[in-house]
Protein backbone atom coordinates (compact mmCIF):
# COMPACT_ATOMS: atom_id res chain seq x y z
CA MET A 1 -1.85 37.09 26.96
CA PHE A 2 -2.35 35.58 23.59
CA GLN A 3 -6.16 34.99 23.07
CA GLN A 4 -5.60 31.50 21.55
CA THR A 5 -8.91 29.96 22.34
CA GLY A 6 -10.75 32.19 19.86
CA LEU A 7 -8.76 30.63 16.97
CA ALA A 8 -11.10 27.61 17.05
CA GLY A 9 -13.96 29.79 16.17
CA ASN A 10 -17.00 30.74 18.25
CA PHE A 11 -20.68 29.92 18.52
CA THR A 12 -23.62 32.05 19.48
CA LEU A 13 -26.12 30.19 21.72
CA PRO A 14 -29.58 30.18 20.00
CA GLY A 15 -31.98 32.99 20.92
CA SER A 16 -29.17 34.89 22.75
CA SER A 17 -26.40 37.30 22.47
CA LEU A 18 -24.06 34.81 24.24
CA ASN A 19 -21.22 34.31 21.96
CA VAL A 20 -18.56 31.86 23.25
CA ASN A 21 -15.24 30.55 21.97
CA ARG A 22 -15.52 26.86 21.10
CA VAL A 23 -12.75 26.00 23.56
CA GLY A 24 -13.94 26.48 27.01
CA TYR A 25 -13.11 25.11 30.58
CA GLY A 26 -14.90 22.63 32.81
CA ALA A 27 -14.60 23.37 36.40
CA MET A 28 -15.52 19.97 37.84
CA GLN A 29 -11.92 18.94 38.58
CA LEU A 30 -11.24 21.94 40.78
CA ALA A 31 -13.15 20.19 43.55
CA GLY A 32 -11.52 17.42 45.63
CA ARG A 33 -8.03 16.01 45.54
CA GLU A 34 -6.41 15.72 42.15
CA GLY A 35 -7.32 12.41 40.47
CA SER A 36 -10.29 11.71 42.78
CA LYS A 37 -13.50 10.64 41.08
CA LEU A 38 -15.68 11.72 43.92
CA VAL A 39 -15.42 15.48 43.10
CA TRP A 40 -15.75 15.97 46.81
CA GLY A 41 -14.39 18.63 49.13
CA PRO A 42 -11.89 21.47 48.51
CA PRO A 43 -8.81 21.16 46.26
CA ARG A 44 -5.36 20.61 47.91
CA ASP A 45 -4.30 23.99 46.57
CA VAL A 46 -7.08 26.69 46.48
CA ASP A 47 -4.66 29.46 45.49
CA GLY A 48 -3.48 27.25 42.55
CA ALA A 49 -7.12 26.77 41.48
CA ILE A 50 -7.73 30.52 41.57
CA ALA A 51 -4.56 31.15 39.53
CA LEU A 52 -5.66 28.47 36.94
CA LEU A 53 -9.05 30.14 36.42
CA GLN A 54 -7.55 33.50 36.07
CA GLU A 55 -5.10 32.33 33.47
CA ALA A 56 -7.87 30.50 31.61
CA VAL A 57 -9.92 33.62 31.28
CA ALA A 58 -6.77 35.74 30.41
CA SER A 59 -6.21 33.21 27.69
CA GLY A 60 -9.49 33.81 26.09
CA VAL A 61 -11.75 31.22 27.74
CA ASN A 62 -15.26 32.84 27.97
CA HIS A 63 -17.32 29.67 28.58
CA ILE A 64 -17.00 28.00 31.92
CA ASP A 65 -19.03 24.90 32.87
CA THR A 66 -19.74 24.29 36.58
CA ALA A 67 -22.30 23.13 39.12
CA ASP A 68 -23.14 23.66 42.72
CA PHE A 69 -22.95 19.92 43.30
CA TYR A 70 -19.31 19.84 42.46
CA GLY A 71 -17.72 19.85 45.94
CA PRO A 72 -20.60 20.40 46.68
CA TYR A 73 -20.45 24.28 46.40
CA VAL A 74 -16.61 24.19 46.13
CA THR A 75 -16.15 25.03 42.45
CA ASN A 76 -18.67 27.83 42.40
CA GLN A 77 -17.20 29.44 45.49
CA ILE A 78 -13.69 29.29 43.95
CA LEU A 79 -15.05 30.74 40.67
CA ARG A 80 -16.49 33.64 42.55
CA LYS A 81 -13.26 34.25 44.54
CA ALA A 82 -11.15 33.98 41.38
CA LEU A 83 -13.14 35.86 38.83
CA SER A 84 -15.80 38.12 40.44
CA PRO A 85 -16.55 40.81 39.39
CA TYR A 86 -16.86 38.73 36.15
CA ARG A 87 -15.53 40.33 32.99
CA GLU A 88 -17.97 41.29 30.30
CA GLY A 89 -18.67 38.41 27.90
CA LEU A 90 -17.83 35.62 30.25
CA VAL A 91 -20.58 33.00 30.12
CA ILE A 92 -20.91 30.61 33.11
CA VAL A 93 -23.02 27.54 32.54
CA THR A 94 -24.20 25.67 35.57
CA LYS A 95 -26.36 22.54 36.27
CA VAL A 96 -29.16 21.56 38.55
CA GLY A 97 -30.98 18.20 39.02
CA ALA A 98 -28.59 16.41 41.47
CA LEU A 99 -27.59 16.53 45.06
CA ARG A 100 -24.70 14.75 46.83
CA GLY A 101 -25.12 12.24 49.55
CA GLU A 102 -22.96 12.26 52.68
CA ASP A 103 -20.85 9.56 51.10
CA GLY A 104 -20.30 11.52 47.94
CA SER A 105 -22.94 9.75 45.98
CA TRP A 106 -24.95 11.43 43.25
CA LEU A 107 -28.68 11.67 43.98
CA PRO A 108 -31.58 12.87 41.81
CA ALA A 109 -33.13 16.20 42.89
CA PHE A 110 -35.98 16.94 40.52
CA SER A 111 -38.65 18.36 42.84
CA ARG A 112 -39.89 21.93 42.57
CA GLU A 113 -38.40 22.63 45.94
CA GLU A 114 -35.05 21.07 45.12
CA LEU A 115 -34.70 22.78 41.72
CA THR A 116 -35.75 26.21 43.12
CA ALA A 117 -33.24 25.80 46.01
CA ALA A 118 -30.43 24.73 43.57
CA VAL A 119 -30.97 27.81 41.26
CA HIS A 120 -30.80 30.08 44.37
CA SER A 121 -27.80 28.28 45.74
CA ASN A 122 -25.88 28.57 42.40
CA LEU A 123 -26.70 32.35 42.33
CA ARG A 124 -25.54 32.83 45.87
CA ASN A 125 -22.29 30.84 45.52
CA LEU A 126 -21.47 32.35 42.16
CA GLY A 127 -22.38 35.83 43.36
CA LEU A 128 -24.77 36.55 40.47
CA ASP A 129 -28.27 38.02 40.12
CA VAL A 130 -29.00 35.88 37.05
CA LEU A 131 -27.57 32.71 35.73
CA ASP A 132 -26.51 32.73 32.01
CA VAL A 133 -27.37 29.03 31.35
CA VAL A 134 -28.77 26.32 33.52
CA ASN A 135 -28.57 22.74 32.30
CA LEU A 136 -31.09 20.26 33.67
CA ARG A 137 -29.10 17.23 34.49
CA ILE A 138 -31.32 14.13 34.05
CA MET A 139 -30.69 11.48 36.63
CA PHE A 140 -32.99 8.58 35.70
CA ASP A 141 -29.64 6.76 35.20
CA VAL A 142 -26.61 8.45 36.70
CA SER A 143 -24.15 7.05 34.14
CA GLN A 144 -26.13 7.43 30.86
CA PRO A 145 -29.28 8.78 29.25
CA ALA A 146 -32.51 6.91 30.09
CA GLU A 147 -35.97 7.56 28.87
CA GLY A 148 -38.61 9.18 30.91
CA SER A 149 -40.68 12.46 30.85
CA ILE A 150 -38.81 15.57 31.83
CA GLU A 151 -41.74 17.89 31.58
CA ALA A 152 -42.23 18.49 35.32
CA PRO A 153 -38.68 19.53 36.30
CA LEU A 154 -38.20 21.51 33.05
CA THR A 155 -41.48 23.44 33.67
CA VAL A 156 -40.05 24.47 36.99
CA LEU A 157 -36.89 25.88 35.29
CA ALA A 158 -39.00 27.67 32.71
CA GLU A 159 -40.94 29.43 35.42
CA LEU A 160 -37.72 30.44 37.10
CA GLN A 161 -36.55 31.78 33.74
CA GLN A 162 -39.78 33.77 33.47
CA LYS A 163 -38.96 35.29 36.91
CA GLY A 164 -35.59 36.54 35.55
CA LEU A 165 -33.34 34.17 37.52
CA ILE A 166 -32.20 32.24 34.39
CA ARG A 167 -31.40 33.62 30.96
CA HIS A 168 -31.15 30.30 28.96
CA ILE A 169 -31.89 26.61 29.62
CA GLY A 170 -29.98 23.57 28.43
CA LEU A 171 -30.07 19.77 28.98
CA SER A 172 -27.59 17.23 30.11
CA ASN A 173 -27.59 13.37 29.99
CA VAL A 174 -30.63 13.20 27.78
CA THR A 175 -32.11 11.24 24.83
CA PRO A 176 -33.34 12.66 21.54
CA THR A 177 -36.89 11.95 22.73
CA GLN A 178 -36.38 14.06 25.84
CA ILE A 179 -34.81 16.85 23.81
CA ALA A 180 -37.90 16.93 21.50
CA GLU A 181 -40.15 17.04 24.61
CA ALA A 182 -38.17 19.81 26.14
CA ARG A 183 -38.25 21.96 22.99
CA ARG A 184 -42.14 21.83 23.11
CA ILE A 185 -41.85 23.48 26.60
CA VAL A 186 -38.96 25.99 26.36
CA ALA A 187 -36.26 27.05 24.06
CA ILE A 188 -33.11 24.86 24.44
CA ALA A 189 -29.66 26.51 24.16
CA CYS A 190 -27.36 23.55 24.50
CA VAL A 191 -27.17 19.79 25.16
CA GLN A 192 -24.35 18.29 27.17
CA ASN A 193 -23.84 14.47 26.76
CA HIS A 194 -21.17 11.84 26.83
CA TYR A 195 -19.49 11.76 23.38
CA ASN A 196 -15.95 11.31 22.13
CA LEU A 197 -13.91 9.41 19.47
CA ALA A 198 -14.95 5.96 20.71
CA HIS A 199 -18.46 6.70 22.11
CA ARG A 200 -20.60 8.08 19.26
CA VAL A 201 -24.17 7.21 20.15
CA ASP A 202 -25.08 10.87 19.57
CA ASP A 203 -23.81 11.16 15.92
CA ALA A 204 -27.29 11.65 14.46
CA LEU A 205 -28.27 13.87 17.30
CA ILE A 206 -25.26 16.27 16.72
CA GLU A 207 -26.26 16.64 13.11
CA LYS A 208 -29.91 17.46 14.09
CA LEU A 209 -28.85 20.02 16.67
CA ALA A 210 -26.39 21.55 14.23
CA GLN A 211 -29.26 22.06 11.80
CA ASP A 212 -31.24 23.78 14.44
CA GLY A 213 -28.36 25.91 15.75
CA ILE A 214 -28.20 24.33 19.11
CA ALA A 215 -24.84 23.84 20.85
CA TYR A 216 -23.61 20.28 21.69
CA VAL A 217 -21.19 20.12 24.61
CA PRO A 218 -19.54 16.63 24.89
CA PHE A 219 -18.11 15.46 28.24
CA PHE A 220 -15.59 12.57 28.96
CA PRO A 221 -13.45 13.33 25.89
CA LEU A 222 -11.24 10.32 26.60
CA GLY A 223 -13.72 8.09 28.44
CA GLY A 224 -14.42 4.39 27.49
CA PHE A 225 -11.44 3.74 25.25
CA SER A 226 -10.28 0.17 24.74
CA PRO A 227 -6.50 -0.52 25.03
CA LEU A 228 -6.25 -0.84 21.20
CA GLN A 229 -8.05 2.46 20.81
CA SER A 230 -5.77 4.10 23.30
CA ASP A 231 -2.78 2.91 21.45
CA ALA A 232 -4.08 4.15 18.14
CA LEU A 233 -4.74 7.55 19.55
CA SER A 234 -1.31 7.67 21.15
CA ASN A 235 0.22 6.79 17.76
CA VAL A 236 -1.72 9.61 16.09
CA ALA A 237 -0.75 12.04 18.79
CA SER A 238 2.91 11.17 18.35
CA LEU A 239 2.60 11.65 14.61
CA LEU A 240 1.12 15.11 15.12
CA ASN A 241 3.50 16.12 17.96
CA ALA A 242 0.59 16.48 20.23
CA THR A 243 -0.86 14.70 23.40
CA PRO A 244 -3.72 12.19 23.11
CA MET A 245 -6.03 14.64 24.85
CA GLN A 246 -5.18 17.37 22.37
CA VAL A 247 -5.96 15.05 19.47
CA ALA A 248 -9.24 13.97 20.96
CA LEU A 249 -10.30 17.53 21.55
CA ALA A 250 -9.18 18.76 18.08
CA TRP A 251 -11.22 15.84 16.54
CA LEU A 252 -14.38 17.05 18.39
CA LEU A 253 -13.80 20.56 17.16
CA GLN A 254 -13.51 19.37 13.61
CA ARG A 255 -16.39 17.02 14.02
CA SER A 256 -19.12 19.67 13.83
CA PRO A 257 -19.23 23.51 14.15
CA ASN A 258 -21.81 23.39 16.89
CA ILE A 259 -19.60 21.32 19.25
CA LEU A 260 -18.13 23.27 22.24
CA VAL A 261 -15.43 21.54 24.18
CA ILE A 262 -14.97 22.12 27.93
CA PRO A 263 -11.83 20.18 29.01
CA GLY A 264 -11.35 20.25 32.73
CA THR A 265 -8.08 20.09 34.67
CA SER A 266 -6.57 21.20 37.99
CA SER A 267 -3.12 21.46 36.33
CA LEU A 268 -1.83 24.69 34.69
CA GLN A 269 0.37 22.65 32.29
CA HIS A 270 -2.65 20.68 31.14
CA LEU A 271 -4.80 23.77 30.95
CA ARG A 272 -2.22 25.31 28.54
CA GLU A 273 -2.01 22.16 26.49
CA ASN A 274 -5.75 21.97 26.17
CA LEU A 275 -6.07 25.52 24.97
CA GLN A 276 -3.54 24.82 22.22
CA VAL A 277 -6.12 22.65 20.44
CA ALA A 278 -7.58 25.74 18.99
CA THR A 279 -4.77 25.75 16.46
CA LEU A 280 -4.33 21.93 16.03
CA GLN A 281 -5.41 20.71 12.58
CA ILE A 282 -5.80 17.02 11.83
CA PRO A 283 -5.01 16.03 8.21
CA ALA A 284 -7.76 14.16 6.33
CA GLU A 285 -5.74 10.89 6.15
CA VAL A 286 -5.09 11.01 9.94
CA ARG A 287 -8.71 11.90 10.49
CA ALA A 288 -9.76 8.84 8.73
CA THR A 289 -7.82 6.74 11.23
CA LEU A 290 -9.40 8.45 14.10
CA ASP A 291 -12.92 8.10 12.49
CA ALA A 292 -12.41 4.35 12.48
CA MET A 293 -12.02 4.21 16.27
CA VAL A 294 -15.75 4.13 17.07
CA ASN A 295 -16.87 1.28 19.37
């Protein structure tokens, strides 16, 4: 199959030989019923989820984002069933720092025991001996970054890295102050935060990370848009003969060379549309319209 994802370029995670195409795949939406925000339980069609993952990798996706608390455990178990033994060069990035309540709620899980158990659970469910990248998801505020020291949980991950269970460490839902603190403790490969056309709190941070060769992985590429912004995006998409999601993803790719996109979907059609952003170019005059959409 045409290896289209590589046409957007690639990025080597700092301090590693892990080279990934800038268009990847986020596995969160494989858990739960389609359209559910809980990310809870198995998908309606497990075989369809397996087929989607296999097509993604066949299309050149070599960066998959996941977590054991998706489901919980569901996405990692589907990944293992679909893709193990994993092809050479496939980078799986997972997260720790959260647990799920019985009602589907998201709970902080920062203790030494919880973090250690989470790493071993990810290893077991993915069927791996070592995790390529583990992002520490900070849960001082579930919905957005909030200040507070992350030294204690990050030290636990650094120790697990020294034991050979983790190759590289990243951060998720963090502030610039927390990133600076983290980098005094251990090398940071990537940062995963909420960022898109409308939500650009991390503009300066992206520039700083790019200078230091650290990957930035935005999530919620269409989250938080006002009706006017949504209309403007739809108009641009129509002009470019693309979907709004494709335009939003292409804008991110053109925003900075250290940005890696991980659009998630449980639909094969949407997967194919998302992978096409590797070849979607946004003209300068259209880009100016998009740049003006910031909140």
